[in-house]
Amino acid sequence: MRVVELIQKKRNGQILEPDELKHLVQAYTDGSMPDYQMSAFLMAVFFQGMTSDELAVWADAMLRSGEVLDLSSISGYKVDKHSTGGVGDKVSLILAPLAVAAGVKVPMISGRGLGHTGGTLDKLESIPGFNVNLTVDQFKAQVDEAGCGLIGQTGEIAPADKKLYALRDVTATVECIPLIASSIMSKKLAEGIDGLVLDVKVGSGAFMKNIDDARELAKTMVGIGASMNKPVRALLTDMNQPLGLAVGNALEVIESIETLKGNGPDDLTDLTVELVAEMLELAGEDSSRDRLYGLLENGEALAVFRDIITRQGGNGDVCDDYSLLPTAANAITFSAFDEGYISRMNTAEIGIAAAELGAGRQTKEDEIDHAVGFFFVKKLGDAVDAGETVLEIHYNDDTNLENCLRRLRDAIEISPTATEHNPLILERLT
C-alpha cells in the first residue's frame, strides 16, 4: 500500500478499508512511516473524521500494536475507571481501594499531569517510596493478590498510542474526538479488563468545554467498547470548579486519605461512590450506595489503600502521619476582593496557577514539586466578605508567585447575588 494514497483518500473524505487502517498503524509503530506522513493523515482525520466502523478498526489496531494483557488467570471481575482530566481530580486514589473493598479487581494504568490537569502518577509519587514502575508480571501479581495495581503506561502496552499522542501534541491535532477516543480506549482495553467506567469532564477545567462535545466523546468511547465486546459506561460530570478542596499532589493525597476515612468533601465522596457503583453494576455485585459509604466509614477501603502503598514500596504510615508527605515551606491566603457570592471559576486557569508554583508541568520534562498547591475554603455559590479567605496557597519558590496570584484574581469572580450552578453529575450513558 502507498501511504500517500491513503492520506489522499482520507483527505478527500473517503472511507478507508480495515487493512488500510491497520497498515497505517503498523507502519507508524515500526518506523517505516515517517512523522510527516502521519502528521498529514492525522490532520486529514481532524477535518474529515472517521466513521464508527473505521474508528473501531483504528482503535483495535492501536490496542494490538503491543502487548494486550491477559488477566484471565486472575479470579474476579476486572474493571477500571478513566477520567478525561480535570483540576483536583484525585478520584482514582479513593476509587481503586473502595472498589476492591467492595469486591472487584482494579488493574489501573494511569498517566501524569500535563498543563492544567493533574495526574494520578504524580499524586502517588508524593508518597515516599511509592513505585509506579512495576513490570507487567509484578503488576499482574499485585492485581491477583491485593486486588489492585496502580502503575504508569509501559513500553509494551499500546506503543502506537504513545507515538501518536506525542505527534498530536505538536501538530495541533489533540482536540479531535476520534483521536482522543481511540487513544484512551486503546490503552484501557489493553489492560485486559472485563469492563470500563468513564468519567467525562465538562466545563472550564475540562478539555470538553460544552456538554454536546463531552456527550459525543462519551458515546464514541462507549461505541468503541461495544465494537470490542467490552461493556463501557460513562458519567458526564461538571468541571466548572476544582473537585474537592485540595489542588496539588501531596495535598490531594491527604484529602484522598481523609475521604477514605469518611471525612472527605461531599462532591469528591459522592462522585467516587457513584463511579464505584457503576463498576459494581457491571460486575453484577452489590452496588448499594449505603454499603459503599459504609466501607469508607468503617476503614475497610483505607486498609486496602494502605496495603497497596506498602506492596508498591511506599510508606503506609502516611495514612496516619501526614508529616511524612512533602510539605511546602510557605503558606499565604488568597482573600475575596469584594463582598458577595463566588459566581464563576475559570478552573483551567486555577490549574495553571498551581502549575506556576510547580504543582504541574508545562512540558513532559518539567520536574514536579509535590508539596505545593491550593486548599479551598470557599467554592461556587459560597458567600464571602471582602478580605475573607477563599483559598490557601502552599508554595516553596516565590519566583512565579505573582503570576499565580494574577491568574487566581482573573479566574475567580464574585457577584452581588447568588447564582445557580450545575449539578455534579450531568448525564449517564451506557
Protein backbone atom coordinates (compact mmCIF):
# COMPACT_ATOMS: atom_id res chain seq x y z
CA MET A 1 0.00 0.00 0.00
CA ARG A 2 1.22 3.52 -0.81
CA VAL A 3 0.80 5.66 2.30
CA VAL A 4 0.42 8.85 0.26
CA GLU A 5 -2.66 7.40 -1.44
CA LEU A 6 -4.22 6.55 1.94
CA ILE A 7 -3.58 10.12 3.14
CA GLN A 8 -5.18 11.45 -0.04
CA LYS A 9 -8.15 9.15 0.37
CA LYS A 10 -8.87 10.38 3.90
CA ARG A 11 -8.19 14.00 2.91
CA ASN A 12 -10.93 13.67 0.30
CA GLY A 13 -13.40 12.30 2.85
CA GLN A 14 -13.37 8.72 1.65
CA ILE A 15 -13.69 5.67 3.92
CA LEU A 16 -10.58 3.57 4.45
CA GLU A 17 -10.69 -0.21 4.39
CA PRO A 18 -9.75 -2.18 7.55
CA ASP A 19 -6.47 -3.40 6.00
CA GLU A 20 -5.55 0.16 5.08
CA LEU A 21 -6.11 1.45 8.61
CA LYS A 22 -4.18 -1.45 10.14
CA HIS A 23 -1.32 -0.81 7.71
CA LEU A 24 -1.06 2.84 8.78
CA VAL A 25 -0.89 1.96 12.48
CA GLN A 26 1.65 -0.82 11.93
CA ALA A 27 3.83 1.26 9.59
CA TYR A 28 3.98 4.16 12.01
CA THR A 29 4.64 1.92 15.01
CA ASP A 30 7.54 0.10 13.33
CA GLY A 31 9.02 3.35 11.97
CA SER A 32 8.54 2.72 8.26
CA MET A 33 6.05 5.60 8.03
CA PRO A 34 7.71 8.95 8.84
CA ASP A 35 6.28 11.58 11.18
CA TYR A 36 5.49 13.99 8.37
CA GLN A 37 3.20 11.48 6.65
CA MET A 38 1.39 10.51 9.85
CA SER A 39 1.04 14.23 10.66
CA ALA A 40 -0.72 14.72 7.34
CA PHE A 41 -3.00 11.76 8.00
CA LEU A 42 -3.89 12.99 11.49
CA MET A 43 -4.78 16.42 10.11
CA ALA A 44 -6.97 14.76 7.47
CA VAL A 45 -8.78 12.88 10.27
CA PHE A 46 -9.07 16.12 12.25
CA PHE A 47 -11.07 17.69 9.40
CA GLN A 48 -12.79 14.64 7.87
CA GLY A 49 -13.36 12.48 10.96
CA MET A 50 -13.83 8.71 10.97
CA THR A 51 -16.91 6.55 10.66
CA SER A 52 -17.74 4.32 13.63
CA ASP A 53 -16.54 1.30 11.65
CA GLU A 54 -13.25 2.98 10.76
CA LEU A 55 -12.73 4.05 14.38
CA ALA A 56 -13.36 0.55 15.71
CA VAL A 57 -10.66 -0.85 13.41
CA TRP A 58 -8.25 2.03 14.13
CA ALA A 59 -8.62 1.67 17.93
CA ASP A 60 -8.24 -2.11 17.73
CA ALA A 61 -5.07 -1.77 15.65
CA MET A 62 -3.64 0.68 18.20
CA LEU A 63 -4.56 -1.68 21.05
CA ARG A 64 -2.85 -4.62 19.29
CA SER A 65 0.26 -2.64 18.36
CA GLY A 66 1.79 -4.00 21.59
CA GLU A 67 1.01 -6.42 24.38
CA VAL A 68 -2.61 -6.96 25.40
CA LEU A 69 -2.54 -8.14 28.99
CA ASP A 70 -4.18 -11.47 29.71
CA LEU A 71 -5.66 -11.39 33.20
CA SER A 72 -7.92 -14.39 32.69
CA SER A 73 -5.99 -16.40 35.29
CA ILE A 74 -6.95 -13.83 37.94
CA SER A 75 -10.27 -14.60 39.58
CA GLY A 76 -12.93 -11.94 39.89
CA TYR A 77 -14.28 -9.20 37.66
CA LYS A 78 -11.58 -6.81 36.42
CA VAL A 79 -12.85 -3.26 35.92
CA ASP A 80 -11.15 0.13 35.60
CA LYS A 81 -12.13 3.79 35.58
CA HIS A 82 -10.79 6.56 33.35
CA SER A 83 -11.21 10.31 33.77
CA THR A 84 -10.67 12.68 30.86
CA GLY A 85 -8.84 15.01 33.25
CA GLY A 86 -9.54 17.94 35.50
CA VAL A 87 -8.33 20.03 38.43
CA GLY A 88 -8.35 18.49 41.89
CA ASP A 89 -9.43 15.15 40.42
CA LYS A 90 -7.94 12.65 42.85
CA VAL A 91 -10.81 10.16 42.46
CA SER A 92 -8.61 7.23 41.39
CA LEU A 93 -6.76 7.20 44.72
CA ILE A 94 -10.05 6.67 46.56
CA LEU A 95 -11.97 4.72 43.94
CA ALA A 96 -9.46 1.90 43.45
CA PRO A 97 -9.27 0.78 47.12
CA LEU A 98 -13.01 1.33 47.63
CA ALA A 99 -13.84 -0.82 44.59
CA VAL A 100 -11.50 -3.58 45.80
CA ALA A 101 -13.07 -3.47 49.27
CA ALA A 102 -16.46 -3.78 47.56
CA GLY A 103 -15.49 -6.94 45.67
CA VAL A 104 -13.90 -6.26 42.26
CA LYS A 105 -10.34 -6.22 40.89
CA VAL A 106 -8.93 -2.92 39.60
CA PRO A 107 -5.96 -3.07 37.18
CA MET A 108 -5.26 0.65 36.73
CA ILE A 109 -2.71 2.08 34.31
CA SER A 110 -2.65 5.84 34.78
CA GLY A 111 -0.94 8.92 33.40
CA ARG A 112 0.89 12.03 34.51
CA GLY A 113 -0.41 15.58 34.56
CA LEU A 114 0.26 17.99 31.74
CA GLY A 115 -0.76 21.63 31.51
CA HIS A 116 -3.67 22.46 33.80
CA THR A 117 -4.72 18.88 34.62
CA GLY A 118 -3.32 16.72 37.40
CA GLY A 119 -2.00 13.19 37.02
CA THR A 120 -2.61 10.15 39.22
CA LEU A 121 1.03 9.02 38.97
CA ASP A 122 2.32 12.37 40.22
CA LYS A 123 0.00 12.21 43.23
CA LEU A 124 1.09 8.66 44.07
CA GLU A 125 4.75 9.61 43.80
CA SER A 126 4.18 12.15 46.59
CA ILE A 127 4.12 9.10 48.88
CA PRO A 128 7.70 8.27 49.96
CA GLY A 129 8.96 5.18 48.12
CA PHE A 130 5.81 4.52 46.07
CA ASN A 131 6.83 2.72 42.86
CA VAL A 132 4.60 3.25 39.83
CA ASN A 133 7.03 1.43 37.52
CA LEU A 134 6.15 -2.20 38.19
CA THR A 135 6.89 -4.73 35.48
CA VAL A 136 3.93 -6.35 33.76
CA ASP A 137 4.47 -9.54 35.77
CA GLN A 138 4.66 -7.60 39.06
CA PHE A 139 1.52 -5.69 38.08
CA LYS A 140 -0.39 -8.90 37.35
CA ALA A 141 0.74 -10.46 40.63
CA GLN A 142 -0.37 -7.42 42.61
CA VAL A 143 -3.80 -7.32 40.96
CA ASP A 144 -4.17 -11.00 41.81
CA GLU A 145 -3.00 -10.74 45.41
CA ALA A 146 -4.04 -7.21 46.50
CA GLY A 147 -6.93 -6.64 44.10
CA CYS A 148 -5.34 -3.56 42.54
CA GLY A 149 -2.17 -2.29 40.92
CA LEU A 150 -1.51 1.39 40.19
CA ILE A 151 1.16 1.90 37.51
CA GLY A 152 2.13 4.04 34.52
CA GLN A 153 1.97 3.04 30.88
CA THR A 154 4.70 0.56 29.97
CA GLY A 155 6.55 0.44 26.67
CA GLU A 156 4.79 -2.81 25.81
CA ILE A 157 1.22 -1.52 26.08
CA ALA A 158 -0.26 0.37 23.09
CA PRO A 159 3.07 1.73 21.76
CA ALA A 160 1.23 3.18 18.74
CA ASP A 161 -0.70 5.46 21.07
CA LYS A 162 2.46 6.64 22.80
CA LYS A 163 3.97 7.70 19.46
CA LEU A 164 0.73 9.14 18.11
CA TYR A 165 -0.01 11.19 21.21
CA ALA A 166 3.43 12.80 21.15
CA LEU A 167 2.90 13.67 17.48
CA ARG A 168 -0.62 15.01 18.01
CA ASP A 169 0.69 17.25 20.79
CA VAL A 170 2.95 19.14 18.34
CA THR A 171 0.73 19.10 15.24
CA ALA A 172 -2.43 20.77 16.65
CA THR A 173 -4.46 17.56 16.35
CA VAL A 174 -5.10 16.85 20.05
CA GLU A 175 -8.67 18.18 20.14
CA CYS A 176 -10.19 15.62 17.80
CA ILE A 177 -12.83 13.29 19.20
CA PRO A 178 -11.94 10.16 17.15
CA LEU A 179 -8.27 10.57 18.07
CA ILE A 180 -9.00 11.28 21.76
CA ALA A 181 -11.38 8.32 22.00
CA SER A 182 -9.04 5.85 20.29
CA SER A 183 -6.12 7.00 22.44
CA ILE A 184 -8.00 6.44 25.70
CA MET A 185 -9.68 3.20 24.71
CA SER A 186 -6.61 1.54 23.18
CA LYS A 187 -4.69 2.00 26.44
CA LYS A 188 -7.53 0.98 28.72
CA LEU A 189 -8.67 -2.09 26.80
CA ALA A 190 -5.07 -3.29 26.52
CA GLU A 191 -5.17 -3.75 30.31
CA GLY A 192 -7.15 -6.97 29.89
CA ILE A 193 -10.18 -5.61 31.76
CA ASP A 194 -13.71 -7.00 31.69
CA GLY A 195 -15.41 -3.60 31.86
CA LEU A 196 -14.71 0.13 31.99
CA VAL A 197 -16.36 3.19 33.56
CA LEU A 198 -15.59 6.64 32.14
CA ASP A 199 -15.72 10.00 33.90
CA VAL A 200 -16.01 12.54 31.08
CA LYS A 201 -15.43 16.04 32.42
CA VAL A 202 -17.35 19.06 31.12
CA GLY A 203 -16.64 22.74 31.76
CA SER A 204 -13.95 25.37 32.21
CA GLY A 205 -11.46 22.92 33.72
CA ALA A 206 -12.06 20.14 31.17
CA PHE A 207 -10.85 19.52 27.62
CA MET A 208 -14.51 19.31 26.61
CA LYS A 209 -15.92 22.77 27.36
CA ASN A 210 -19.54 22.06 26.47
CA ILE A 211 -21.86 19.15 27.11
CA ASP A 212 -22.50 18.38 23.43
CA ASP A 213 -18.81 17.70 22.78
CA ALA A 214 -18.50 15.72 26.00
CA ARG A 215 -21.54 13.62 25.11
CA GLU A 216 -20.14 12.91 21.64
CA LEU A 217 -16.80 11.85 23.15
CA ALA A 218 -18.52 9.60 25.69
CA LYS A 219 -20.74 7.99 23.06
CA THR A 220 -17.72 7.43 20.81
CA MET A 221 -15.80 5.65 23.57
CA VAL A 222 -18.83 3.58 24.60
CA GLY A 223 -19.17 2.61 20.93
CA ILE A 224 -15.54 1.51 20.68
CA GLY A 225 -16.09 -0.67 23.75
CA ALA A 226 -19.18 -2.20 22.19
CA SER A 227 -17.27 -2.98 18.99
CA MET A 228 -14.80 -4.98 21.11
CA ASN A 229 -17.50 -6.66 23.23
CA LYS A 230 -16.44 -4.74 26.33
CA PRO A 231 -19.18 -3.10 28.42
CA VAL A 232 -18.45 0.60 28.94
CA ARG A 233 -20.44 3.17 30.90
CA ALA A 234 -19.87 6.91 31.14
CA LEU A 235 -20.81 9.69 33.52
CA LEU A 236 -20.64 13.29 32.29
CA THR A 237 -19.53 15.32 35.31
CA ASP A 238 -19.12 19.03 35.96
CA MET A 239 -15.63 20.57 35.99
CA ASN A 240 -16.51 24.24 36.39
CA GLN A 241 -14.71 24.26 39.73
CA PRO A 242 -11.99 22.07 41.29
CA LEU A 243 -13.16 18.69 42.57
CA GLY A 244 -12.87 18.57 46.35
CA LEU A 245 -10.91 21.24 48.21
CA ALA A 246 -7.26 20.35 47.51
CA VAL A 247 -5.28 21.06 44.32
CA GLY A 248 -1.67 19.84 44.28
CA ASN A 249 -0.15 16.42 44.65
CA ALA A 250 0.61 15.83 48.34
CA LEU A 251 -2.36 17.96 49.37
CA GLU A 252 -4.60 15.76 47.22
CA VAL A 253 -3.12 12.60 48.77
CA ILE A 254 -4.08 13.94 52.21
CA GLU A 255 -7.60 14.71 51.01
CA SER A 256 -7.86 11.24 49.46
CA ILE A 257 -6.86 9.58 52.73
CA GLU A 258 -9.33 11.74 54.64
CA THR A 259 -12.03 10.66 52.20
CA LEU A 260 -11.05 7.01 52.75
CA LYS A 261 -11.62 7.72 56.46
CA GLY A 262 -15.11 9.00 55.73
CA ASN A 263 -14.14 12.66 56.21
CA GLY A 264 -13.93 13.83 52.61
CA PRO A 265 -15.78 16.75 50.99
CA ASP A 266 -19.23 15.86 49.71
CA ASP A 267 -18.58 16.37 45.97
CA LEU A 268 -15.47 14.18 45.94
CA THR A 269 -17.03 11.47 48.11
CA ASP A 270 -20.31 11.38 46.20
CA LEU A 271 -18.71 11.23 42.75
CA THR A 272 -16.34 8.45 43.81
CA VAL A 273 -19.21 6.42 45.25
CA GLU A 274 -21.27 6.84 42.06
CA LEU A 275 -18.37 5.73 39.84
CA VAL A 276 -17.66 2.69 42.03
CA ALA A 277 -21.38 1.83 41.98
CA GLU A 278 -21.21 1.79 38.15
CA MET A 279 -18.19 -0.52 38.31
CA LEU A 280 -20.02 -2.88 40.65
CA GLU A 281 -23.14 -2.92 38.47
CA LEU A 282 -21.01 -4.00 35.50
CA ALA A 283 -19.63 -6.80 37.68
CA GLY A 284 -23.06 -7.86 38.94
CA GLU A 285 -22.05 -7.04 42.53
CA ASP A 286 -23.98 -5.23 45.25
CA SER A 287 -23.84 -1.55 44.24
CA SER A 288 -25.74 -0.14 47.22
CA ARG A 289 -24.54 3.40 47.90
CA ASP A 290 -25.11 2.92 51.63
CA ARG A 291 -22.77 -0.07 51.53
CA LEU A 292 -20.07 1.97 49.79
CA TYR A 293 -20.32 4.88 52.20
CA GLY A 294 -20.06 2.29 54.98
CA LEU A 295 -16.80 0.89 53.54
CA LEU A 296 -15.34 4.40 53.78
CA GLU A 297 -16.57 4.99 57.30
CA ASN A 298 -15.52 1.61 58.75
CA GLY A 299 -11.94 1.78 57.47
CA GLU A 300 -12.05 -1.18 55.07
CA ALA A 301 -11.27 0.90 51.98
CA LEU A 302 -8.43 2.68 53.81
CA ALA A 303 -6.93 -0.68 54.79
CA VAL A 304 -6.83 -1.66 51.10
CA PHE A 305 -5.08 1.60 50.19
CA ARG A 306 -2.51 1.09 52.97
CA ASP A 307 -1.85 -2.42 51.61
CA ILE A 308 -1.42 -1.13 48.04
CA ILE A 309 1.03 1.55 49.22
CA THR A 310 3.10 -0.99 51.16
CA ARG A 311 3.16 -3.54 48.33
CA GLN A 312 4.38 -0.89 45.88
CA GLY A 313 7.27 0.14 48.10
CA GLY A 314 5.66 3.12 49.79
CA ASN A 315 5.38 4.04 53.45
CA GLY A 316 1.89 3.03 54.58
CA ASP A 317 2.30 5.16 57.71
CA VAL A 318 1.32 8.20 55.62
CA CYS A 319 -2.26 7.11 56.26
CA ASP A 320 -1.76 8.18 59.88
CA ASP A 321 1.06 10.71 59.73
CA TYR A 322 0.75 13.36 57.01
CA SER A 323 4.09 14.91 58.03
CA LEU A 324 5.71 12.05 56.08
CA LEU A 325 4.44 13.67 52.87
CA PRO A 326 6.21 16.63 51.22
CA THR A 327 5.24 19.90 52.93
CA ALA A 328 5.65 23.38 51.47
CA ALA A 329 7.83 25.87 53.33
CA ASN A 330 5.39 28.76 52.95
CA ALA A 331 1.65 29.35 53.06
CA ILE A 332 -0.38 32.50 52.43
CA THR A 333 -4.08 33.18 51.97
CA PHE A 334 -5.88 34.44 48.88
CA SER A 335 -8.73 36.68 50.01
CA ALA A 336 -12.00 37.81 48.48
CA PHE A 337 -11.63 41.21 46.83
CA ASP A 338 -15.30 42.08 47.27
CA GLU A 339 -18.43 41.11 49.20
CA GLY A 340 -20.92 38.77 47.55
CA TYR A 341 -21.03 35.22 46.22
CA ILE A 342 -18.46 33.23 44.27
CA SER A 343 -20.19 33.06 40.90
CA ARG A 344 -17.59 31.67 38.48
CA MET A 345 -14.27 29.88 38.45
CA ASN A 346 -12.08 29.51 35.39
CA THR A 347 -10.89 26.12 36.54
CA ALA A 348 -8.25 25.68 33.85
CA GLU A 349 -6.65 28.95 34.99
CA ILE A 350 -6.68 27.67 38.57
CA GLY A 351 -4.86 24.55 37.40
CA ILE A 352 -2.31 26.64 35.50
CA ALA A 353 -1.87 28.85 38.59
CA ALA A 354 -0.97 25.72 40.58
CA ALA A 355 1.43 24.69 37.82
CA GLU A 356 3.10 28.12 38.12
CA LEU A 357 4.07 27.11 41.67
CA GLY A 358 5.45 23.77 40.43
CA ALA A 359 2.43 21.51 41.03
CA GLY A 360 2.12 20.70 37.33
CA ARG A 361 4.08 20.61 34.08
CA GLN A 362 4.16 22.83 31.05
CA THR A 363 6.25 20.19 29.24
CA LYS A 364 6.67 16.48 29.92
CA GLU A 365 10.26 17.11 31.04
CA ASP A 366 9.37 19.53 33.85
CA GLU A 367 10.02 18.45 37.45
CA ILE A 368 7.06 18.37 39.84
CA ASP A 369 7.10 19.99 43.29
CA HIS A 370 4.83 17.56 45.12
CA ALA A 371 4.38 19.83 48.15
CA VAL A 372 2.80 22.90 46.56
CA GLY A 373 -0.79 23.73 45.69
CA PHE A 374 -4.05 25.17 46.96
CA PHE A 375 -6.60 24.35 49.61
CA PHE A 376 -10.01 25.93 49.02
CA VAL A 377 -12.09 27.32 51.85
CA LYS A 378 -14.82 28.69 49.56
CA LYS A 379 -16.27 27.35 46.30
CA LEU A 380 -19.02 28.19 43.81
CA GLY A 381 -22.13 29.65 45.41
CA ASP A 382 -20.48 30.37 48.76
CA ALA A 383 -20.98 33.80 50.37
CA VAL A 384 -17.84 35.82 51.10
CA ASP A 385 -16.98 39.08 52.80
CA ALA A 386 -14.29 41.36 51.43
CA GLY A 387 -10.97 40.16 52.83
CA GLU A 388 -12.28 36.72 53.76
CA THR A 389 -10.08 33.73 52.85
CA VAL A 390 -11.08 31.94 49.64
CA LEU A 391 -8.11 29.57 49.49
CA GLU A 392 -4.70 28.85 50.98
CA ILE A 393 -1.62 28.91 48.76
CA HIS A 394 1.19 26.49 49.69
CA TYR A 395 4.49 27.22 47.94
CA ASN A 396 8.25 26.82 48.16
CA ASP A 397 9.69 29.07 45.47
CA ASP A 398 8.19 32.56 45.07
CA THR A 399 9.62 33.10 41.58
CA ASN A 400 6.22 32.68 39.91
CA LEU A 401 4.07 33.59 42.92
CA GLU A 402 2.91 36.89 41.43
CA ASN A 403 1.91 35.14 38.20
CA CYS A 404 -0.02 32.61 40.28
CA LEU A 405 -1.85 35.38 42.18
CA ARG A 406 -2.67 37.22 38.96
CA ARG A 407 -4.19 34.07 37.45
CA LEU A 408 -6.26 33.47 40.57
CA ARG A 409 -7.57 37.05 40.53
CA ASP A 410 -8.60 36.60 36.90
CA ALA A 411 -10.07 33.12 37.48
CA ILE A 412 -12.41 33.79 40.40
CA GLU A 413 -15.44 36.05 40.06
CA ILE A 414 -17.62 37.42 42.85
CA SER A 415 -21.15 38.66 42.18
CA PRO A 416 -23.54 40.59 44.43
CA THR A 417 -26.23 37.91 44.14
CA ALA A 418 -26.12 34.12 44.31
CA THR A 419 -26.43 32.16 41.05
CA GLU A 420 -27.36 28.56 40.33
CA HIS A 421 -24.67 26.09 39.33
CA ASN A 422 -24.60 22.77 37.53
CA PRO A 423 -25.15 19.53 39.40
CA LEU A 424 -22.01 17.42 39.77
CA ILE A 425 -23.32 14.54 37.64
CA LEU A 426 -24.85 15.83 34.41
CA GLU A 427 -25.66 12.66 32.46
CA ARG A 428 -25.15 8.90 32.45
CA LEU A 429 -24.55 6.94 29.23
CA THR A 430 -24.43 3.19 28.62
